[in-house]
Amino acid sequence: MSSSTIEALQHRCCCSVGMAFSSTLSRLNLIPKPSLPYALTTFKVLHFHKLLRTDWIGPGLSSNASTPRFSALKITSSAGFHTQISRPQDDDLIVLGIETSCDDTAAAIVKGNGEILSQVIASQAELLARYGGVAPKMAEEAHAQVIDKVVQETMEKANLTERDLSAVAVTIGPGLSLCLRVGVQKARKIAGSSSLPIVGVHHMEAHALVARLVERELQFPFMALLISGGHNLLVLAQDLGQYIQLGTTIDDAIGEAYDKTAKWLGLDLRKSGGPAIEELAREGDPKSIKFSTPMKQHKDCNFSYAGLKTQVRLAIESRNIDTKIPLSSASIQDRSVRADIAASFQRVAVLHLEDKCERAIEWALKIEPSIRHLVVSGGVASNKYVRAQLMAVVRKKGLQLVCPPPSLCTDNGVMVAWTGLEHFRIGRFDPPPPADEPEDTMYDVRPRWPLGEEYTEGRSAARSLRTARIHPSLTSIIQASLQQQQ
């Protein structure tokens, strides 16, 4: 198996949404637009930190940064001289978010008050159907072809220019490295030409924090279950950038299992595997096939879907289903068998989520007894069956379920812009990159980038999760920076 194929399997992201260049404009807060994006005369000094170096040190958007850390401003001497920066009031901040971590090219503009000024998503649904999944090189080329148009359309729909922006936020990991570079290069080009700060965003943190845009009363600490094609992650969010990893997948994520099952059943992958399975499962008997629930013997919060995939493949082979025949051309009997497999698979796949979530909630309440919410986000969180089953778990544990709308569960620019806003407010950003940055600049993108540090009780007996690491977790980077600032 090629390295690009392995990378695609490891980091298969959320379901595709919309047609190519489809775009939506939505406003969560119907607040009239001011005549000016923000008061240019407003000056505010950020929280300044003494650093060991005399240059900007940020989350590592360029390989020139030797140590990835967060900081607010350049400090010119140990005596505390600092630079003042023009910054609007928080509600009037305007951030452009760019997302290219997998197979959707997305951009959005969000204000500090939570108002979504515009968002555009270019889907690669046709490529997914053609190749049966994400082909990294093809995905990179597709991103490169549309990124300029997507960003331009986003700016036009918001009726803004780059000079109106407060900052640019961009996903730098985890994801497919070839795809991540397209977004980072575009973001740095915009930031450099307009002298804008730039915020490197963790893709999974963005999935978690977009819930705070939708549910404005959602405060830290809270729990989050992040489920997509490439990720199964249970975290305790203690504060912005501070996460404890309670559980993750030891092999495949639930979205990967949905996609493979859909492919083997001959379903239309243009709507992505998750929605296709969910739709067909409504016609089937979820208890007709006795699939085993994964990892019942492991008393932790980690996930595994590789074994369930094998069970599904064997079930399909034993029933002599010709998967080369698409569902639309299948006989009534054949369609019924496929529906039973889809329903039985979905029941067990989600039951695995339920079991691990119950245990994770118990662990989290021991650490943070004040927790009241479980956020469920990521592409698979768009599934209505998943939401209904997890709602029952959450109510049983006395918590509230918070799910972003489906359009904000799948990969999108809104979540990136909002997460960038959250970090920018407290001074975590990089300075404007050079306006004449060479086209062949090597960018520090992070294909495998943990969000938080593992909970001691949650370390998997099946494998060492640390062996797959390339970068320190987001949480450890921020903690190291805060210690140096004291």
Protein backbone atom coordinates (compact mmCIF):
# COMPACT_ATOMS: atom_id res chain seq x y z
CA MET A 1 0.00 0.00 0.00
CA SER A 2 1.43 3.40 -0.97
CA SER A 3 2.23 6.06 1.62
CA SER A 4 -0.32 8.41 0.04
CA THR A 5 -3.03 5.75 0.35
CA ILE A 6 -2.14 5.13 3.99
CA GLU A 7 -2.23 8.87 4.67
CA ALA A 8 -5.64 9.13 3.04
CA LEU A 9 -7.00 6.32 5.20
CA GLN A 10 -5.55 7.79 8.38
CA HIS A 11 -6.79 11.26 7.77
CA ARG A 12 -9.98 10.79 5.78
CA CYS A 13 -11.99 13.77 6.81
CA CYS A 14 -15.62 14.68 7.03
CA CYS A 15 -18.38 14.15 4.51
CA SER A 16 -18.54 16.40 1.44
CA VAL A 17 -21.33 18.94 1.36
CA GLY A 18 -22.86 20.90 -1.46
CA MET A 19 -22.00 20.96 -5.13
CA ALA A 20 -18.80 22.47 -6.44
CA PHE A 21 -18.66 26.13 -5.66
CA SER A 22 -21.96 25.93 -3.80
CA SER A 23 -22.15 28.57 -1.14
CA THR A 24 -24.42 29.61 1.65
CA LEU A 25 -24.86 32.79 3.60
CA SER A 26 -26.26 32.49 7.08
CA ARG A 27 -26.46 34.74 10.10
CA LEU A 28 -26.71 33.31 13.58
CA ASN A 29 -27.21 36.79 15.03
CA LEU A 30 -29.29 39.10 12.92
CA ILE A 31 -27.30 42.21 13.73
CA PRO A 32 -27.21 45.05 11.21
CA LYS A 33 -23.84 45.57 9.56
CA PRO A 34 -22.03 48.71 10.68
CA SER A 35 -21.06 51.19 8.03
CA LEU A 36 -17.40 50.44 8.81
CA PRO A 37 -16.14 46.94 9.67
CA TYR A 38 -14.57 48.29 12.82
CA ALA A 39 -13.39 51.53 14.35
CA LEU A 40 -9.96 52.15 12.87
CA THR A 41 -9.16 54.59 15.61
CA THR A 42 -9.57 52.04 18.39
CA PHE A 43 -6.26 50.93 19.85
CA LYS A 44 -5.87 48.13 22.29
CA VAL A 45 -2.65 46.71 23.70
CA LEU A 46 -2.62 42.93 23.79
CA HIS A 47 -1.37 40.92 26.73
CA PHE A 48 2.41 41.05 26.30
CA HIS A 49 4.80 38.27 27.21
CA LYS A 50 8.55 38.21 27.73
CA LEU A 51 10.08 35.74 25.33
CA LEU A 52 13.47 34.11 25.05
CA ARG A 53 13.71 35.18 21.41
CA THR A 54 13.34 38.66 19.94
CA ASP A 55 11.22 37.61 17.00
CA TRP A 56 7.67 36.39 16.64
CA ILE A 57 7.16 32.82 17.73
CA GLY A 58 3.90 31.22 16.65
CA PRO A 59 2.25 27.90 15.97
CA GLY A 60 4.65 27.11 13.16
CA LEU A 61 3.17 28.16 9.83
CA SER A 62 6.62 28.40 8.26
CA SER A 63 9.56 26.07 8.64
CA ASN A 64 11.72 29.07 9.56
CA ALA A 65 10.29 28.87 13.10
CA SER A 66 12.55 26.55 15.07
CA THR A 67 10.31 26.17 18.11
CA PRO A 68 6.52 26.08 17.73
CA ARG A 69 5.02 28.26 20.45
CA PHE A 70 2.29 30.84 20.77
CA SER A 71 2.87 34.50 21.50
CA ALA A 72 1.17 37.80 20.97
CA LEU A 73 3.77 40.40 20.04
CA LYS A 74 7.42 40.94 19.33
CA ILE A 75 9.29 41.95 22.47
CA THR A 76 12.27 44.16 21.73
CA SER A 77 14.04 43.86 25.09
CA SER A 78 13.86 42.16 28.45
CA ALA A 79 12.94 45.51 29.96
CA GLY A 80 9.47 45.05 28.46
CA PHE A 81 9.40 47.42 25.47
CA HIS A 82 6.65 46.30 23.17
CA THR A 83 4.75 47.12 20.04
CA GLN A 84 1.24 48.50 20.06
CA ILE A 85 -1.16 47.01 17.57
CA SER A 86 -4.39 48.48 16.21
CA ARG A 87 -7.22 46.17 17.15
CA PRO A 88 -11.00 46.65 17.10
CA GLN A 89 -13.34 45.75 19.92
CA ASP A 90 -13.89 41.99 20.14
CA ASP A 91 -17.40 42.01 18.65
CA ASP A 92 -16.16 43.87 15.58
CA LEU A 93 -13.24 41.58 14.82
CA ILE A 94 -13.50 40.11 11.32
CA VAL A 95 -11.59 36.91 10.52
CA LEU A 96 -11.28 34.97 7.28
CA GLY A 97 -11.02 31.21 7.81
CA ILE A 98 -9.56 28.81 5.23
CA GLU A 99 -9.93 25.02 5.37
CA THR A 100 -8.24 22.52 3.01
CA SER A 101 -7.28 19.64 5.28
CA CYS A 102 -8.91 16.92 3.20
CA ASP A 103 -11.36 16.97 0.29
CA ASP A 104 -13.35 20.18 0.71
CA THR A 105 -12.04 23.63 -0.19
CA ALA A 106 -13.78 25.98 2.23
CA ALA A 107 -13.59 29.60 3.32
CA ALA A 108 -15.74 31.80 5.54
CA ILE A 109 -15.78 35.19 7.21
CA VAL A 110 -16.99 35.46 10.79
CA LYS A 111 -17.33 38.46 13.10
CA GLY A 112 -16.37 38.50 16.74
CA ASN A 113 -20.04 38.56 17.76
CA GLY A 114 -20.63 35.23 16.02
CA GLU A 115 -22.22 36.61 12.89
CA ILE A 116 -21.37 34.54 9.82
CA LEU A 117 -20.90 37.06 7.02
CA SER A 118 -20.28 34.49 4.29
CA GLN A 119 -19.11 30.97 3.64
CA VAL A 120 -18.28 29.01 0.49
CA ILE A 121 -17.49 25.31 0.05
CA ALA A 122 -16.18 23.65 -3.10
CA SER A 123 -16.82 19.92 -2.87
CA GLN A 124 -14.78 17.14 -4.45
CA ALA A 125 -17.75 14.75 -4.53
CA GLU A 126 -17.15 13.72 -8.14
CA LEU A 127 -13.53 12.83 -7.37
CA LEU A 128 -14.62 10.82 -4.33
CA ALA A 129 -17.05 8.84 -6.46
CA ARG A 130 -14.49 8.29 -9.22
CA TYR A 131 -11.66 7.07 -6.99
CA GLY A 132 -13.77 5.49 -4.24
CA GLY A 133 -12.21 7.76 -1.63
CA VAL A 134 -9.68 10.54 -1.25
CA ALA A 135 -6.65 10.41 -3.55
CA PRO A 136 -4.21 12.89 -1.93
CA LYS A 137 -2.53 14.11 -5.12
CA MET A 138 -5.84 14.52 -6.95
CA ALA A 139 -7.29 16.31 -3.92
CA GLU A 140 -4.32 18.68 -3.80
CA GLU A 141 -4.75 19.58 -7.47
CA ALA A 142 -8.48 20.13 -6.99
CA HIS A 143 -7.80 22.46 -4.05
CA ALA A 144 -5.24 24.43 -6.07
CA GLN A 145 -7.69 24.86 -8.95
CA VAL A 146 -10.47 26.37 -6.84
CA ILE A 147 -8.87 28.03 -3.80
CA ASP A 148 -8.61 31.48 -5.37
CA LYS A 149 -12.22 31.39 -6.56
CA VAL A 150 -13.51 30.13 -3.21
CA VAL A 151 -11.77 32.90 -1.25
CA GLN A 152 -12.75 35.58 -3.77
CA GLU A 153 -16.39 34.50 -3.66
CA THR A 154 -16.29 34.49 0.14
CA MET A 155 -14.99 38.07 0.20
CA GLU A 156 -17.55 39.21 -2.37
CA LYS A 157 -20.50 37.66 -0.53
CA ALA A 158 -19.44 39.47 2.64
CA ASN A 159 -18.99 42.69 0.63
CA LEU A 160 -15.52 43.11 2.12
CA THR A 161 -11.95 43.52 0.93
CA GLU A 162 -8.84 42.04 2.49
CA ARG A 163 -8.11 45.40 4.09
CA ASP A 164 -11.31 45.04 6.15
CA LEU A 165 -10.09 41.86 7.84
CA SER A 166 -8.63 41.72 11.34
CA ALA A 167 -6.76 38.44 10.78
CA VAL A 168 -6.59 35.30 8.66
CA ALA A 169 -7.04 31.83 10.18
CA VAL A 170 -6.06 28.61 8.42
CA THR A 171 -6.03 24.92 9.25
CA ILE A 172 -2.44 23.67 9.63
CA GLY A 173 -3.28 20.13 10.80
CA PRO A 174 -4.14 17.39 11.20
CA GLY A 175 -5.01 16.30 7.67
CA LEU A 176 -3.42 15.46 4.35
CA SER A 177 -0.13 17.34 4.03
CA LEU A 178 -0.51 18.02 0.31
CA CYS A 179 -3.94 19.51 0.88
CA LEU A 180 -3.00 21.49 3.98
CA ARG A 181 -0.22 23.28 2.07
CA VAL A 182 -2.68 24.72 -0.45
CA GLY A 183 -4.68 26.47 2.25
CA VAL A 184 -1.65 27.62 4.22
CA GLN A 185 -0.02 29.09 1.11
CA LYS A 186 -3.19 31.02 0.23
CA ALA A 187 -3.65 32.28 3.78
CA ARG A 188 -0.06 33.49 4.00
CA LYS A 189 -0.34 35.21 0.64
CA ILE A 190 -3.40 37.16 1.80
CA ALA A 191 -1.91 37.96 5.20
CA GLY A 192 1.39 39.04 3.69
CA SER A 193 -0.08 41.30 1.03
CA SER A 194 -2.38 43.04 3.53
CA SER A 195 -0.11 42.95 6.62
CA LEU A 196 -2.59 40.83 8.58
CA PRO A 197 -1.90 38.60 11.60
CA ILE A 198 -2.30 34.89 10.86
CA VAL A 199 -3.62 32.16 13.17
CA GLY A 200 -2.73 28.49 12.68
CA VAL A 201 -5.76 26.37 13.60
CA HIS A 202 -6.02 22.76 14.79
CA HIS A 203 -8.68 21.06 12.67
CA MET A 204 -10.17 19.02 15.53
CA GLU A 205 -10.23 21.94 17.95
CA ALA A 206 -12.18 23.83 15.30
CA HIS A 207 -14.77 21.04 15.17
CA ALA A 208 -15.15 21.29 18.94
CA LEU A 209 -15.20 25.08 19.26
CA VAL A 210 -17.73 25.76 16.51
CA ALA A 211 -20.29 24.57 19.07
CA ARG A 212 -19.48 27.72 21.08
CA LEU A 213 -20.51 29.82 18.11
CA VAL A 214 -23.85 28.01 17.85
CA GLU A 215 -24.47 27.73 21.61
CA ARG A 216 -23.12 31.00 22.96
CA GLU A 217 -23.76 29.95 26.56
CA LEU A 218 -21.42 26.97 26.22
CA GLN A 219 -18.55 27.57 28.62
CA PHE A 220 -15.46 25.58 29.57
CA PRO A 221 -15.14 22.90 30.81
CA PHE A 222 -17.13 20.62 28.51
CA MET A 223 -16.74 17.25 26.84
CA ALA A 224 -16.46 16.70 23.11
CA LEU A 225 -16.87 13.67 20.88
CA LEU A 226 -15.35 14.43 17.48
CA ILE A 227 -16.23 11.87 14.82
CA SER A 228 -15.35 11.96 11.15
CA GLY A 229 -13.75 9.92 8.37
CA GLY A 230 -10.29 10.27 9.86
CA HIS A 231 -10.90 10.81 13.56
CA ASN A 232 -12.62 9.38 16.61
CA LEU A 233 -11.73 11.58 19.54
CA LEU A 234 -13.12 11.96 23.05
CA VAL A 235 -11.72 14.98 24.86
CA LEU A 236 -12.28 17.01 27.98
CA ALA A 237 -12.04 20.68 27.01
CA GLN A 238 -10.82 22.46 30.13
CA ASP A 239 -10.08 25.79 28.49
CA LEU A 240 -9.18 27.26 25.12
CA GLY A 241 -6.26 25.19 23.86
CA GLN A 242 -6.29 22.98 26.96
CA TYR A 243 -7.55 19.45 26.30
CA ILE A 244 -7.31 16.03 27.94
CA GLN A 245 -7.63 13.14 25.49
CA LEU A 246 -9.88 10.52 27.03
CA GLY A 247 -10.01 8.25 24.00
CA THR A 248 -9.18 7.95 20.32
CA THR A 249 -9.21 5.33 17.59
CA ILE A 250 -6.49 2.67 17.63
CA ASP A 251 -7.01 1.95 13.93
CA ASP A 252 -9.91 3.19 11.76
CA ALA A 253 -12.41 5.94 12.52
CA ILE A 254 -16.17 5.51 12.29
CA GLY A 255 -16.43 7.64 9.15
CA GLU A 256 -13.91 5.40 7.38
CA ALA A 257 -16.05 2.38 8.31
CA TYR A 258 -19.17 4.09 6.94
CA ASP A 259 -17.38 4.97 3.70
CA LYS A 260 -15.99 1.48 3.13
CA THR A 261 -19.33 -0.18 3.92
CA ALA A 262 -21.08 2.15 1.48
CA LYS A 263 -18.54 1.35 -1.22
CA TRP A 264 -18.84 -2.42 -0.68
CA LEU A 265 -22.65 -2.17 -0.82
CA GLY A 266 -22.49 -0.37 -4.15
CA LEU A 267 -23.95 2.91 -2.86
CA ASP A 268 -23.65 6.31 -4.49
CA LEU A 269 -20.56 7.88 -2.94
CA ARG A 270 -21.30 11.32 -4.36
CA LYS A 271 -23.38 11.93 -1.25
CA SER A 272 -20.58 10.38 0.85
CA GLY A 273 -20.71 7.10 2.69
CA GLY A 274 -22.36 8.30 5.90
CA PRO A 275 -25.54 9.79 4.41
CA ALA A 276 -25.81 6.89 1.93
CA ILE A 277 -25.67 4.25 4.69
CA GLU A 278 -28.06 6.19 6.92
CA GLU A 279 -30.62 6.44 4.12
CA LEU A 280 -30.44 2.75 3.17
CA ALA A 281 -30.44 1.62 6.82
CA ARG A 282 -33.96 3.01 7.26
CA GLU A 283 -35.18 0.19 5.00
CA GLY A 284 -33.39 -2.60 6.88
CA ASP A 285 -33.64 -4.63 10.08
CA PRO A 286 -30.85 -3.46 12.44
CA LYS A 287 -30.84 -6.79 14.32
CA SER A 288 -30.89 -9.10 11.32
CA ILE A 289 -27.12 -9.62 11.33
CA LYS A 290 -25.26 -10.24 14.59
CA PHE A 291 -22.14 -8.11 14.28
CA SER A 292 -19.92 -8.04 17.37
CA THR A 293 -19.43 -4.74 19.18
CA PRO A 294 -15.73 -3.79 19.03
CA MET A 295 -13.46 -3.71 22.09
CA LYS A 296 -16.01 -4.88 24.64
CA GLN A 297 -13.17 -6.41 26.64
CA HIS A 298 -11.22 -3.14 26.83
CA LYS A 299 -12.33 -0.97 29.77
CA ASP A 300 -11.04 2.25 28.28
CA CYS A 301 -12.47 4.93 25.99
CA ASN A 302 -10.61 4.07 22.80
CA PHE A 303 -12.25 3.01 19.56
CA SER A 304 -11.61 0.40 16.88
CA TYR A 305 -13.53 -0.06 13.62
CA ALA A 306 -11.15 -2.26 11.62
CA GLY A 307 -12.70 -5.47 12.97
CA LEU A 308 -16.24 -4.30 12.28
CA LYS A 309 -15.24 -3.50 8.70
CA THR A 310 -13.98 -7.06 8.32
CA GLN A 311 -17.26 -8.44 9.68
CA VAL A 312 -19.21 -6.37 7.18
CA ARG A 313 -17.06 -7.46 4.24
CA LEU A 314 -17.46 -11.14 5.18
CA ALA A 315 -21.23 -10.69 5.53
CA ILE A 316 -21.43 -9.18 2.06
CA GLU A 317 -19.30 -11.98 0.56
CA SER A 318 -21.32 -14.73 2.27
CA ARG A 319 -24.55 -13.40 0.78
CA ASN A 320 -23.12 -13.30 -2.75
CA ILE A 321 -23.92 -9.63 -3.27
CA ASP A 322 -22.58 -8.35 -6.57
CA THR A 323 -21.37 -4.92 -5.45
CA LYS A 324 -20.54 -4.01 -9.03
CA ILE A 325 -24.28 -3.63 -9.51
CA PRO A 326 -25.25 -0.23 -8.07
CA LEU A 327 -28.06 -0.09 -5.56
CA SER A 328 -30.29 1.71 -8.05
CA SER A 329 -30.14 -1.37 -10.35
CA ALA A 330 -30.39 -4.04 -7.65
CA SER A 331 -33.33 -6.42 -7.40
CA ILE A 332 -35.87 -5.99 -4.60
CA GLN A 333 -34.43 -8.97 -2.71
CA ASP A 334 -30.85 -7.80 -3.22
CA ARG A 335 -31.75 -4.31 -2.04
CA SER A 336 -33.38 -5.75 1.07
CA VAL A 337 -30.25 -7.73 1.96
CA ARG A 338 -28.06 -4.67 1.47
CA ALA A 339 -30.43 -2.62 3.66
CA ASP A 340 -30.21 -5.21 6.45
CA ILE A 341 -26.41 -5.10 6.33
CA ALA A 342 -26.42 -1.29 6.38
CA ALA A 343 -28.83 -1.16 9.33
CA SER A 344 -26.98 -3.84 11.30
CA PHE A 345 -23.65 -2.17 10.68
CA GLN A 346 -24.94 1.24 11.74
CA ARG A 347 -26.49 -0.13 14.95
CA VAL A 348 -23.22 -1.72 16.11
CA ALA A 349 -20.99 1.13 14.90
CA VAL A 350 -23.00 3.62 16.94
CA LEU A 351 -23.37 1.26 19.91
CA HIS A 352 -19.57 1.32 20.08
CA LEU A 353 -19.76 5.13 20.35
CA GLU A 354 -22.38 4.88 23.08
CA ASP A 355 -20.36 2.46 25.21
CA LYS A 356 -17.20 4.57 25.09
CA CYS A 357 -19.06 7.85 25.65
CA GLU A 358 -20.68 6.52 28.82
CA ARG A 359 -17.31 5.61 30.30
CA ALA A 360 -15.72 8.87 29.14
CA ILE A 361 -18.44 10.92 30.82
CA GLU A 362 -17.77 9.10 34.09
CA TRP A 363 -14.04 9.82 33.80
CA ALA A 364 -14.58 13.44 32.87
CA LEU A 365 -16.91 14.09 35.80
CA LYS A 366 -14.22 12.80 38.17
CA ILE A 367 -11.79 15.36 36.74
CA GLU A 368 -14.23 18.26 36.28
CA PRO A 369 -17.48 17.73 38.26
CA SER A 370 -18.90 20.98 36.85
CA ILE A 371 -19.27 19.58 33.31
CA ARG A 372 -22.78 20.01 31.93
CA HIS A 373 -22.42 19.51 28.18
CA LEU A 374 -21.25 16.96 25.63
CA VAL A 375 -20.45 18.46 22.23
CA VAL A 376 -20.75 16.08 19.28
CA SER A 377 -19.22 17.39 16.07
CA GLY A 378 -17.43 16.27 12.93
CA GLY A 379 -18.90 14.92 9.69
CA VAL A 380 -20.47 11.81 11.24
CA ALA A 381 -22.29 14.02 13.76
CA SER A 382 -24.58 15.02 10.87
CA ASN A 383 -26.12 11.55 11.09
CA LYS A 384 -29.56 11.74 12.74
CA TYR A 385 -29.36 8.19 14.09
CA VAL A 386 -26.02 8.99 15.76
CA ARG A 387 -27.49 12.09 17.37
CA ALA A 388 -30.58 10.30 18.64
CA GLN A 389 -28.59 7.47 20.24
CA LEU A 390 -26.10 9.81 21.89
CA MET A 391 -28.92 12.02 23.16
CA ALA A 392 -30.18 9.04 25.17
CA VAL A 393 -26.70 8.47 26.64
CA VAL A 394 -26.26 12.10 27.60
CA ARG A 395 -29.67 12.37 29.26
CA LYS A 396 -28.97 9.21 31.23
CA LYS A 397 -25.82 10.88 32.58
CA GLY A 398 -27.59 14.16 33.37
CA LEU A 399 -25.82 16.22 30.70
CA GLN A 400 -26.98 18.25 27.71
CA LEU A 401 -26.10 17.38 24.12
CA VAL A 402 -24.80 20.18 21.89
CA CYS A 403 -24.60 19.46 18.16
CA PRO A 404 -23.80 22.10 15.55
CA PRO A 405 -26.11 22.09 12.53
CA PRO A 406 -25.06 19.56 9.87
CA SER A 407 -23.56 22.29 7.67
CA LEU A 408 -21.14 23.16 10.49
CA CYS A 409 -20.35 19.53 11.41
CA THR A 410 -18.73 18.70 8.09
CA ASP A 411 -15.49 20.50 7.17
CA ASN A 412 -16.12 24.22 6.72
CA GLY A 413 -14.45 27.60 6.90
CA VAL A 414 -16.73 28.91 9.65
CA MET A 415 -15.24 26.64 12.29
CA VAL A 416 -11.72 27.70 11.29
CA ALA A 417 -12.57 31.41 11.34
CA TRP A 418 -14.30 31.10 14.72
CA THR A 419 -11.44 29.15 16.30
CA GLY A 420 -9.03 31.72 14.90
CA LEU A 421 -11.13 34.43 16.52
CA GLU A 422 -11.07 32.68 19.89
CA HIS A 423 -7.27 32.48 19.88
CA PHE A 424 -6.75 35.91 18.34
CA ARG A 425 -8.77 37.54 21.13
CA ILE A 426 -6.26 36.38 23.72
CA GLY A 427 -3.17 37.17 21.68
CA ARG A 428 -2.31 33.82 20.12
CA PHE A 429 -1.32 34.54 16.54
CA ASP A 430 1.60 34.92 14.18
CA PRO A 431 2.76 38.23 12.66
CA PRO A 432 2.11 39.04 8.99
CA PRO A 433 4.34 36.90 6.77
CA PRO A 434 6.58 38.56 4.16
CA ALA A 435 4.64 39.99 1.25
CA ASP A 436 7.18 38.53 -1.18
CA GLU A 437 7.37 35.04 0.29
CA PRO A 438 8.78 32.61 -2.33
CA GLU A 439 6.36 30.20 -3.97
CA ASP A 440 8.56 27.24 -2.96
CA THR A 441 8.55 28.09 0.78
CA MET A 442 8.42 24.96 2.94
CA TYR A 443 5.45 25.24 5.28
CA ASP A 444 5.23 23.57 8.67
CA VAL A 445 1.96 21.70 8.23
CA ARG A 446 1.05 18.97 10.69
CA PRO A 447 -0.58 15.87 9.16
CA ARG A 448 -0.55 14.04 12.52
CA TRP A 449 -1.03 16.52 15.32
CA PRO A 450 -2.60 15.44 18.63
CA LEU A 451 -5.09 17.81 20.19
CA GLY A 452 -4.55 17.01 23.85
CA GLU A 453 -2.47 14.96 26.25
CA GLU A 454 -3.60 11.41 27.00
CA TYR A 455 -5.48 10.77 30.22
CA THR A 456 -3.39 8.31 32.24
CA GLU A 457 -6.24 5.82 32.70
CA GLY A 458 -7.12 6.10 29.04
CA ARG A 459 -3.86 4.96 27.50
CA SER A 460 -4.55 2.14 25.13
CA ALA A 461 -3.25 -1.32 25.91
CA ALA A 462 -3.54 -2.11 22.21
CA ARG A 463 -0.77 0.22 21.10
CA SER A 464 1.26 3.24 22.15
CA LEU A 465 -0.47 6.27 20.70
CA ARG A 466 2.74 8.25 21.08
CA THR A 467 4.49 6.23 18.39
CA ALA A 468 2.38 7.91 15.70
CA ARG A 469 3.22 11.44 16.79
CA ILE A 470 5.15 13.87 14.68
CA HIS A 471 4.34 17.09 16.53
CA PRO A 472 3.74 17.83 20.21
CA SER A 473 0.05 18.18 21.01
CA LEU A 474 -1.62 21.58 20.79
CA THR A 475 -2.16 21.47 24.55
CA SER A 476 1.51 20.80 25.35
CA ILE A 477 2.64 23.62 23.02
CA ILE A 478 0.36 26.13 24.75
CA GLN A 479 1.30 24.91 28.23
CA ALA A 480 5.02 25.28 27.43
CA SER A 481 4.42 28.80 26.12
CA LEU A 482 2.45 29.82 29.21
CA GLN A 483 5.21 28.53 31.49
CA GLN A 484 7.81 30.58 29.64
CA GLN A 485 5.65 33.69 29.88
CA GLN A 486 5.42 33.53 33.66
